[in-house]
């Protein structure tokens, strides 16, 4: 996928599963899956299967956080970003 950051890691945290667990659901070796995630190397068929496994639509794999919200990289908790004065 050209210059598009996939949100697979973030979505896994939101869903409370590891990438290894997602790889197992998809029938992919966890190491191969991790490498593919790092390189954003998935075809549409695989993206469809990933979206199904995560319970999201394909576009959600690409969406950036909305409403100025980010997710903690450690616990996945949503953090609202507010403009300071």
PDB file of N, CA and C in Angstrom:
ATOM      1  N   UNK A   1       0.856  -1.162   0.000  1.00  0.00           N
ATOM      2  CA  UNK A   1       0.000   0.000   0.000  1.00  0.00           C
ATOM      3  C   UNK A   1       0.907   1.232   0.000  1.00  0.00           C
ATOM      4  N   UNK A   2       0.738   2.100  -0.913  1.00  0.00           N
ATOM      5  CA  UNK A   2       1.652   3.211  -1.100  1.00  0.00           C
ATOM      6  C   UNK A   2       1.436   4.324  -0.079  1.00  0.00           C
ATOM      7  N   UNK A   3       2.446   4.586   0.722  1.00  0.00           N
ATOM      8  CA  UNK A   3       2.473   5.706   1.652  1.00  0.00           C
ATOM      9  C   UNK A   3       1.239   5.805   2.552  1.00  0.00           C
ATOM     10  N   UNK A   4       0.613   4.725   2.862  1.00  0.00           N
ATOM     11  CA  UNK A   4      -0.550   4.738   3.736  1.00  0.00           C
ATOM     12  C   UNK A   4      -0.218   3.940   4.980  1.00  0.00           C
ATOM     13  N   UNK A   5      -0.336   4.585   6.115  1.00  0.00           N
ATOM     14  CA  UNK A   5      -0.040   3.920   7.378  1.00  0.00           C
ATOM     15  C   UNK A   5      -1.261   3.119   7.817  1.00  0.00           C
ATOM     16  N   UNK A   6      -1.095   1.836   7.934  1.00  0.00           N
ATOM     17  CA  UNK A   6      -2.180   0.992   8.412  1.00  0.00           C
ATOM     18  C   UNK A   6      -2.299   1.123   9.925  1.00  0.00           C
ATOM     19  N   UNK A   7      -3.499   0.996  10.432  1.00  0.00           N
ATOM     20  CA  UNK A   7      -3.763   1.121  11.860  1.00  0.00           C
ATOM     21  C   UNK A   7      -3.906  -0.243  12.524  1.00  0.00           C
ATOM     22  N   UNK A   8      -3.315  -1.275  11.985  1.00  0.00           N
ATOM     23  CA  UNK A   8      -3.509  -2.626  12.513  1.00  0.00           C
ATOM     24  C   UNK A   8      -3.051  -2.718  13.960  1.00  0.00           C
ATOM     25  N   UNK A   9      -1.877  -2.178  14.274  1.00  0.00           N
ATOM     26  CA  UNK A   9      -1.378  -2.237  15.656  1.00  0.00           C
ATOM     27  C   UNK A   9      -2.350  -1.541  16.608  1.00  0.00           C
ATOM     28  N   UNK A  10      -2.793  -0.354  16.216  1.00  0.00           N
ATOM     29  CA  UNK A  10      -3.715   0.420  17.044  1.00  0.00           C
ATOM     30  C   UNK A  10      -5.043  -0.312  17.220  1.00  0.00           C
ATOM     31  N   UNK A  11      -5.559  -0.872  16.132  1.00  0.00           N
ATOM     32  CA  UNK A  11      -6.831  -1.591  16.207  1.00  0.00           C
ATOM     33  C   UNK A  11      -6.725  -2.844  17.072  1.00  0.00           C
ATOM     34  N   UNK A  12      -5.599  -3.525  16.996  1.00  0.00           N
ATOM     35  CA  UNK A  12      -5.405  -4.701  17.854  1.00  0.00           C
ATOM     36  C   UNK A  12      -5.472  -4.293  19.326  1.00  0.00           C
ATOM     37  N   UNK A  13      -4.818  -3.188  19.678  1.00  0.00           N
ATOM     38  CA  UNK A  13      -4.855  -2.701  21.062  1.00  0.00           C
ATOM     39  C   UNK A  13      -6.276  -2.360  21.471  1.00  0.00           C
ATOM     40  N   UNK A  14      -7.011  -1.682  20.580  1.00  0.00           N
ATOM     41  CA  UNK A  14      -8.400  -1.321  20.869  1.00  0.00           C
ATOM     42  C   UNK A  14      -9.252  -2.564  21.111  1.00  0.00           C
ATOM     43  N   UNK A  15      -8.997  -3.625  20.351  1.00  0.00           N
ATOM     44  CA  UNK A  15      -9.792  -4.853  20.445  1.00  0.00           C
ATOM     45  C   UNK A  15      -9.284  -5.799  21.526  1.00  0.00           C
ATOM     46  N   UNK A  16      -8.135  -5.459  22.132  1.00  0.00           N
ATOM     47  CA  UNK A  16      -7.596  -6.287  23.211  1.00  0.00           C
ATOM     48  C   UNK A  16      -6.976  -7.588  22.742  1.00  0.00           C
ATOM     49  N   UNK A  17      -6.435  -7.580  21.520  1.00  0.00           N
ATOM     50  CA  UNK A  17      -5.750  -8.775  21.040  1.00  0.00           C
ATOM     51  C   UNK A  17      -4.341  -8.394  20.581  1.00  0.00           C
ATOM     52  N   UNK A  18      -3.479  -9.364  20.533  1.00  0.00           N
ATOM     53  CA  UNK A  18      -2.126  -9.115  20.045  1.00  0.00           C
ATOM     54  C   UNK A  18      -2.082  -9.350  18.537  1.00  0.00           C
ATOM     55  N   UNK A  19      -1.032  -8.847  17.920  1.00  0.00           N
ATOM     56  CA  UNK A  19      -0.858  -9.110  16.491  1.00  0.00           C
ATOM     57  C   UNK A  19      -0.659 -10.605  16.245  1.00  0.00           C
ATOM     58  N   UNK A  20      -0.013 -11.283  17.189  1.00  0.00           N
ATOM     59  CA  UNK A  20       0.186 -12.733  17.051  1.00  0.00           C
ATOM     60  C   UNK A  20      -1.156 -13.463  17.065  1.00  0.00           C
ATOM     61  N   UNK A  21      -2.071 -13.033  17.926  1.00  0.00           N
ATOM     62  CA  UNK A  21      -3.403 -13.641  17.965  1.00  0.00           C
ATOM     63  C   UNK A  21      -4.166 -13.373  16.667  1.00  0.00           C
ATOM     64  N   UNK A  22      -4.023 -12.161  16.147  1.00  0.00           N
ATOM     65  CA  UNK A  22      -4.671 -11.828  14.874  1.00  0.00           C
ATOM     66  C   UNK A  22      -4.082 -12.687  13.753  1.00  0.00           C
ATOM     67  N   UNK A  23      -2.772 -12.832  13.747  1.00  0.00           N
ATOM     68  CA  UNK A  23      -2.117 -13.667  12.738  1.00  0.00           C
ATOM     69  C   UNK A  23      -2.640 -15.101  12.806  1.00  0.00           C
ATOM     70  N   UNK A  24      -2.787 -15.626  14.028  1.00  0.00           N
ATOM     71  CA  UNK A  24      -3.326 -16.980  14.195  1.00  0.00           C
ATOM     72  C   UNK A  24      -4.739 -17.089  13.623  1.00  0.00           C
ATOM     73  N   UNK A  25      -5.576 -16.072  13.873  1.00  0.00           N
ATOM     74  CA  UNK A  25      -6.945 -16.064  13.327  1.00  0.00           C
ATOM     75  C   UNK A  25      -6.932 -16.111  11.802  1.00  0.00           C
ATOM     76  N   UNK A  26      -5.907 -15.466  11.223  1.00  0.00           N
ATOM     77  CA  UNK A  26      -5.806 -15.380   9.769  1.00  0.00           C
ATOM     78  C   UNK A  26      -5.047 -16.555   9.157  1.00  0.00           C
ATOM     79  N   UNK A  27      -4.470 -17.406  10.003  1.00  0.00           N
ATOM     80  CA  UNK A  27      -3.709 -18.544   9.500  1.00  0.00           C
ATOM     81  C   UNK A  27      -2.355 -18.148   8.932  1.00  0.00           C
ATOM     82  N   UNK A  28      -1.764 -17.099   9.502  1.00  0.00           N
ATOM     83  CA  UNK A  28      -0.472 -16.597   9.041  1.00  0.00           C
ATOM     84  C   UNK A  28       0.531 -16.767  10.181  1.00  0.00           C
ATOM     85  N   UNK A  29       1.773 -17.071   9.857  1.00  0.00           N
ATOM     86  CA  UNK A  29       2.810 -17.128  10.875  1.00  0.00           C
ATOM     87  C   UNK A  29       2.963 -15.736  11.485  1.00  0.00           C
ATOM     88  N   UNK A  30       2.997 -15.620  12.819  1.00  0.00           N
ATOM     89  CA  UNK A  30       3.099 -14.310  13.458  1.00  0.00           C
ATOM     90  C   UNK A  30       4.293 -13.473  12.984  1.00  0.00           C
ATOM     91  N   UNK A  31       5.435 -14.090  12.753  1.00  0.00           N
ATOM     92  CA  UNK A  31       6.611 -13.340  12.300  1.00  0.00           C
ATOM     93  C   UNK A  31       6.363 -12.755  10.910  1.00  0.00           C
ATOM     94  N   UNK A  32       5.797 -13.552  10.020  1.00  0.00           N
ATOM     95  CA  UNK A  32       5.486 -13.065   8.671  1.00  0.00           C
ATOM     96  C   UNK A  32       4.461 -11.943   8.713  1.00  0.00           C
ATOM     97  N   UNK A  33       3.458 -12.108   9.566  1.00  0.00           N
ATOM     98  CA  UNK A  33       2.419 -11.086   9.698  1.00  0.00           C
ATOM     99  C   UNK A  33       3.017  -9.787  10.225  1.00  0.00           C
ATOM    100  N   UNK A  34       3.844  -9.872  11.252  1.00  0.00           N
ATOM    101  CA  UNK A  34       4.482  -8.693  11.829  1.00  0.00           C
ATOM    102  C   UNK A  34       5.324  -7.948  10.795  1.00  0.00           C
ATOM    103  N   UNK A  35       6.054  -8.696   9.993  1.00  0.00           N
ATOM    104  CA  UNK A  35       6.871  -8.083   8.941  1.00  0.00           C
ATOM    105  C   UNK A  35       5.986  -7.391   7.905  1.00  0.00           C
ATOM    106  N   UNK A  36       4.896  -8.025   7.544  1.00  0.00           N
ATOM    107  CA  UNK A  36       3.978  -7.435   6.561  1.00  0.00           C
ATOM    108  C   UNK A  36       3.342  -6.157   7.110  1.00  0.00           C
ATOM    109  N   UNK A  37       3.000  -6.163   8.410  1.00  0.00           N
ATOM    110  CA  UNK A  37       2.424  -4.971   9.035  1.00  0.00           C
ATOM    111  C   UNK A  37       3.445  -3.832   9.006  1.00  0.00           C
ATOM    112  N   UNK A  38       4.677  -4.150   9.362  1.00  0.00           N
ATOM    113  CA  UNK A  38       5.731  -3.130   9.380  1.00  0.00           C
ATOM    114  C   UNK A  38       5.956  -2.515   8.004  1.00  0.00           C
ATOM    115  N   UNK A  39       5.793  -3.314   6.973  1.00  0.00           N
ATOM    116  CA  UNK A  39       6.033  -2.846   5.602  1.00  0.00           C
ATOM    117  C   UNK A  39       4.761  -2.421   4.878  1.00  0.00           C
ATOM    118  N   UNK A  40       3.602  -2.542   5.550  1.00  0.00           N
ATOM    119  CA  UNK A  40       2.307  -2.234   4.916  1.00  0.00           C
ATOM    120  C   UNK A  40       2.125  -3.013   3.622  1.00  0.00           C
ATOM    121  N   UNK A  41       2.452  -4.296   3.646  1.00  0.00           N
ATOM    122  CA  UNK A  41       2.383  -5.119   2.435  1.00  0.00           C
ATOM    123  C   UNK A  41       1.216  -6.110   2.524  1.00  0.00           C
ATOM    124  N   UNK A  42       0.047  -5.659   2.121  1.00  0.00           N
ATOM    125  CA  UNK A  42      -1.126  -6.515   2.089  1.00  0.00           C
ATOM    126  C   UNK A  42      -1.912  -6.241   0.810  1.00  0.00           C
ATOM    127  N   UNK A  43      -2.455  -7.302   0.210  1.00  0.00           N
ATOM    128  CA  UNK A  43      -3.338  -7.108  -0.937  1.00  0.00           C
ATOM    129  C   UNK A  43      -4.769  -6.914  -0.425  1.00  0.00           C
ATOM    130  N   UNK A  44      -5.677  -6.598  -1.306  1.00  0.00           N
ATOM    131  CA  UNK A  44      -7.057  -6.318  -0.896  1.00  0.00           C
ATOM    132  C   UNK A  44      -7.739  -7.515  -0.252  1.00  0.00           C
ATOM    133  N   UNK A  45      -7.449  -8.706  -0.738  1.00  0.00           N
ATOM    134  CA  UNK A  45      -8.040  -9.901  -0.144  1.00  0.00           C
ATOM    135  C   UNK A  45      -7.612 -10.037   1.315  1.00  0.00           C
ATOM    136  N   UNK A  46      -6.328  -9.841   1.564  1.00  0.00           N
ATOM    137  CA  UNK A  46      -5.806  -9.956   2.930  1.00  0.00           C
ATOM    138  C   UNK A  46      -6.352  -8.825   3.801  1.00  0.00           C
ATOM    139  N   UNK A  47      -6.434  -7.607   3.253  1.00  0.00           N
ATOM    140  CA  UNK A  47      -6.996  -6.498   4.020  1.00  0.00           C
ATOM    141  C   UNK A  47      -8.441  -6.778   4.413  1.00  0.00           C
ATOM    142  N   UNK A  48      -9.190  -7.400   3.503  1.00  0.00           N
ATOM    143  CA  UNK A  48     -10.576  -7.756   3.795  1.00  0.00           C
ATOM    144  C   UNK A  48     -10.641  -8.751   4.952  1.00  0.00           C
ATOM    145  N   UNK A  49      -9.764  -9.726   4.936  1.00  0.00           N
ATOM    146  CA  UNK A  49      -9.740 -10.734   6.012  1.00  0.00           C
ATOM    147  C   UNK A  49      -9.314 -10.118   7.340  1.00  0.00           C
ATOM    148  N   UNK A  50      -8.356  -9.201   7.297  1.00  0.00           N
ATOM    149  CA  UNK A  50      -7.909  -8.521   8.516  1.00  0.00           C
ATOM    150  C   UNK A  50      -9.061  -7.696   9.093  1.00  0.00           C
ATOM    151  N   UNK A  51      -9.734  -6.944   8.221  1.00  0.00           N
ATOM    152  CA  UNK A  51     -10.867  -6.126   8.668  1.00  0.00           C
ATOM    153  C   UNK A  51     -11.950  -7.001   9.293  1.00  0.00           C
ATOM    154  N   UNK A  52     -12.267  -8.121   8.652  1.00  0.00           N
ATOM    155  CA  UNK A  52     -13.274  -9.038   9.202  1.00  0.00           C
ATOM    156  C   UNK A  52     -12.850  -9.557  10.568  1.00  0.00           C
ATOM    157  N   UNK A  53     -11.594  -9.951  10.692  1.00  0.00           N
ATOM    158  CA  UNK A  53     -11.092 -10.499  11.958  1.00  0.00           C
ATOM    159  C   UNK A  53     -11.126  -9.455  13.073  1.00  0.00           C
ATOM    160  N   UNK A  54     -10.931  -8.187  12.707  1.00  0.00           N
ATOM    161  CA  UNK A  54     -10.954  -7.114  13.706  1.00  0.00           C
ATOM    162  C   UNK A  54     -12.346  -6.527  13.912  1.00  0.00           C
ATOM    163  N   UNK A  55     -13.303  -6.943  13.081  1.00  0.00           N
ATOM    164  CA  UNK A  55     -14.665  -6.445  13.210  1.00  0.00           C
ATOM    165  C   UNK A  55     -14.819  -5.002  12.768  1.00  0.00           C
ATOM    166  N   UNK A  56     -14.044  -4.608  11.737  1.00  0.00           N
ATOM    167  CA  UNK A  56     -14.115  -3.248  11.209  1.00  0.00           C
ATOM    168  C   UNK A  56     -14.266  -3.304   9.698  1.00  0.00           C
ATOM    169  N   UNK A  57     -14.565  -2.170   9.109  1.00  0.00           N
ATOM    170  CA  UNK A  57     -14.621  -2.059   7.653  1.00  0.00           C
ATOM    171  C   UNK A  57     -13.206  -1.756   7.143  1.00  0.00           C
ATOM    172  N   UNK A  58     -12.913  -2.105   5.909  1.00  0.00           N
ATOM    173  CA  UNK A  58     -11.582  -1.881   5.342  1.00  0.00           C
ATOM    174  C   UNK A  58     -11.117  -0.430   5.492  1.00  0.00           C
ATOM    175  N   UNK A  59     -11.953   0.581   5.224  1.00  0.00           N
ATOM    176  CA  UNK A  59     -11.462   1.957   5.377  1.00  0.00           C
ATOM    177  C   UNK A  59     -10.964   2.286   6.781  1.00  0.00           C
ATOM    178  N   UNK A  60     -11.514   1.612   7.788  1.00  0.00           N
ATOM    179  CA  UNK A  60     -11.074   1.863   9.167  1.00  0.00           C
ATOM    180  C   UNK A  60      -9.638   1.416   9.400  1.00  0.00           C
ATOM    181  N   UNK A  61      -9.121   0.560   8.525  1.00  0.00           N
ATOM    182  CA  UNK A  61      -7.723   0.155   8.635  1.00  0.00           C
ATOM    183  C   UNK A  61      -6.791   1.311   8.285  1.00  0.00           C
ATOM    184  N   UNK A  62      -7.324   2.342   7.629  1.00  0.00           N
ATOM    185  CA  UNK A  62      -6.515   3.454   7.152  1.00  0.00           C
ATOM    186  C   UNK A  62      -6.839   4.789   7.805  1.00  0.00           C
ATOM    187  N   UNK A  63      -8.005   4.921   8.404  1.00  0.00           N
ATOM    188  CA  UNK A  63      -8.431   6.205   8.965  1.00  0.00           C
ATOM    189  C   UNK A  63      -7.472   6.696  10.037  1.00  0.00           C
ATOM    190  N   UNK A  64      -7.293   7.985  10.068  1.00  0.00           N
ATOM    191  CA  UNK A  64      -6.524   8.610  11.136  1.00  0.00           C
ATOM    192  C   UNK A  64      -7.484   8.876  12.296  1.00  0.00           C
ATOM    193  N   UNK A  65      -6.956   9.027  13.513  1.00  0.00           N
ATOM    194  CA  UNK A  65      -7.841   9.308  14.652  1.00  0.00           C
ATOM    195  C   UNK A  65      -8.686  10.550  14.402  1.00  0.00           C
ATOM    196  N   UNK A  66      -9.926  10.470  14.828  1.00  0.00           N
ATOM    197  CA  UNK A  66     -10.864  11.571  14.634  1.00  0.00           C
ATOM    198  C   UNK A  66     -11.006  12.346  15.938  1.00  0.00           C
ATOM    199  N   UNK A  67     -11.581  13.543  15.816  1.00  0.00           N
ATOM    200  CA  UNK A  67     -11.925  14.365  16.965  1.00  0.00           C
ATOM    201  C   UNK A  67     -10.739  14.610  17.882  1.00  0.00           C
ATOM    202  N   UNK A  68      -9.559  14.759  17.291  1.00  0.00           N
ATOM    203  CA  UNK A  68      -8.363  15.084  18.047  1.00  0.00           C
ATOM    204  C   UNK A  68      -8.149  14.119  19.214  1.00  0.00           C
ATOM    205  N   UNK A  69      -8.258  12.836  18.922  1.00  0.00           N
ATOM    206  CA  UNK A  69      -8.057  11.798  19.924  1.00  0.00           C
ATOM    207  C   UNK A  69      -6.920  10.907  19.462  1.00  0.00           C
ATOM    208  N   UNK A  70      -6.047  10.580  20.399  1.00  0.00           N
ATOM    209  CA  UNK A  70      -4.996   9.615  20.119  1.00  0.00           C
ATOM    210  C   UNK A  70      -5.147   8.464  21.099  1.00  0.00           C
ATOM    211  N   UNK A  71      -4.454   7.373  20.844  1.00  0.00           N
ATOM    212  CA  UNK A  71      -4.488   6.226  21.736  1.00  0.00           C
ATOM    213  C   UNK A  71      -3.125   6.046  22.358  1.00  0.00           C
ATOM    214  N   UNK A  72      -3.105   5.815  23.655  1.00  0.00           N
ATOM    215  CA  UNK A  72      -1.855   5.563  24.363  1.00  0.00           C
ATOM    216  C   UNK A  72      -1.194   4.329  23.750  1.00  0.00           C
ATOM    217  N   UNK A  73       0.086   4.425  23.370  1.00  0.00           N
ATOM    218  CA  UNK A  73       0.752   3.275  22.769  1.00  0.00           C
ATOM    219  C   UNK A  73       0.999   2.132  23.748  1.00  0.00           C
ATOM    220  N   UNK A  74       0.837   2.412  25.038  1.00  0.00           N
ATOM    221  CA  UNK A  74       1.093   1.382  26.042  1.00  0.00           C
ATOM    222  C   UNK A  74      -0.169   0.634  26.457  1.00  0.00           C
ATOM    223  N   UNK A  75      -1.252   1.389  26.709  1.00  0.00           N
ATOM    224  CA  UNK A  75      -2.467   0.734  27.206  1.00  0.00           C
ATOM    225  C   UNK A  75      -3.646   0.815  26.238  1.00  0.00           C
ATOM    226  N   UNK A  76      -3.534   1.653  25.193  1.00  0.00           N
ATOM    227  CA  UNK A  76      -4.615   1.781  24.221  1.00  0.00           C
ATOM    228  C   UNK A  76      -5.714   2.744  24.628  1.00  0.00           C
ATOM    229  N   UNK A  77      -5.599   3.359  25.824  1.00  0.00           N
ATOM    230  CA  UNK A  77      -6.618   4.294  26.298  1.00  0.00           C
ATOM    231  C   UNK A  77      -6.680   5.510  25.381  1.00  0.00           C
ATOM    232  N   UNK A  78      -7.913   5.991  25.137  1.00  0.00           N
ATOM    233  CA  UNK A  78      -8.096   7.176  24.305  1.00  0.00           C
ATOM    234  C   UNK A  78      -7.731   8.420  25.107  1.00  0.00           C
ATOM    235  N   UNK A  79      -6.984   9.317  24.456  1.00  0.00           N
ATOM    236  CA  UNK A  79      -6.575  10.569  25.080  1.00  0.00           C
ATOM    237  C   UNK A  79      -7.016  11.700  24.171  1.00  0.00           C
ATOM    238  N   UNK A  80      -7.848  12.595  24.703  1.00  0.00           N
ATOM    239  CA  UNK A  80      -8.347  13.713  23.910  1.00  0.00           C
ATOM    240  C   UNK A  80      -7.305  14.823  23.911  1.00  0.00           C
ATOM    241  N   UNK A  81      -7.036  15.370  22.731  1.00  0.00           N
ATOM    242  CA  UNK A  81      -6.069  16.452  22.576  1.00  0.00           C
ATOM    243  C   UNK A  81      -6.846  17.759  22.557  1.00  0.00           C
ATOM    244  N   UNK A  82      -6.494  18.661  23.437  1.00  0.00           N
ATOM    245  CA  UNK A  82      -7.158  19.957  23.485  1.00  0.00           C
ATOM    246  C   UNK A  82      -6.139  21.046  23.175  1.00  0.00           C
ATOM    247  N   UNK A  83      -6.615  22.085  22.535  1.00  0.00           N
ATOM    248  CA  UNK A  83      -5.752  23.201  22.171  1.00  0.00           C
ATOM    249  C   UNK A  83      -5.484  24.036  23.430  1.00  0.00           C
ATOM    250  N   UNK A  84      -4.186  24.267  23.696  1.00  0.00           N
ATOM    251  CA  UNK A  84      -3.809  25.092  24.841  1.00  0.00           C
ATOM    252  C   UNK A  84      -3.886  26.566  24.485  1.00  0.00           C
ATOM    253  N   UNK A  85      -3.929  27.381  25.510  1.00  0.00           N
ATOM    254  CA  UNK A  85      -4.001  28.837  25.279  1.00  0.00           C
ATOM    255  C   UNK A  85      -2.658  29.461  25.488  1.00  0.00           C
TER     256      UNK A  85
END
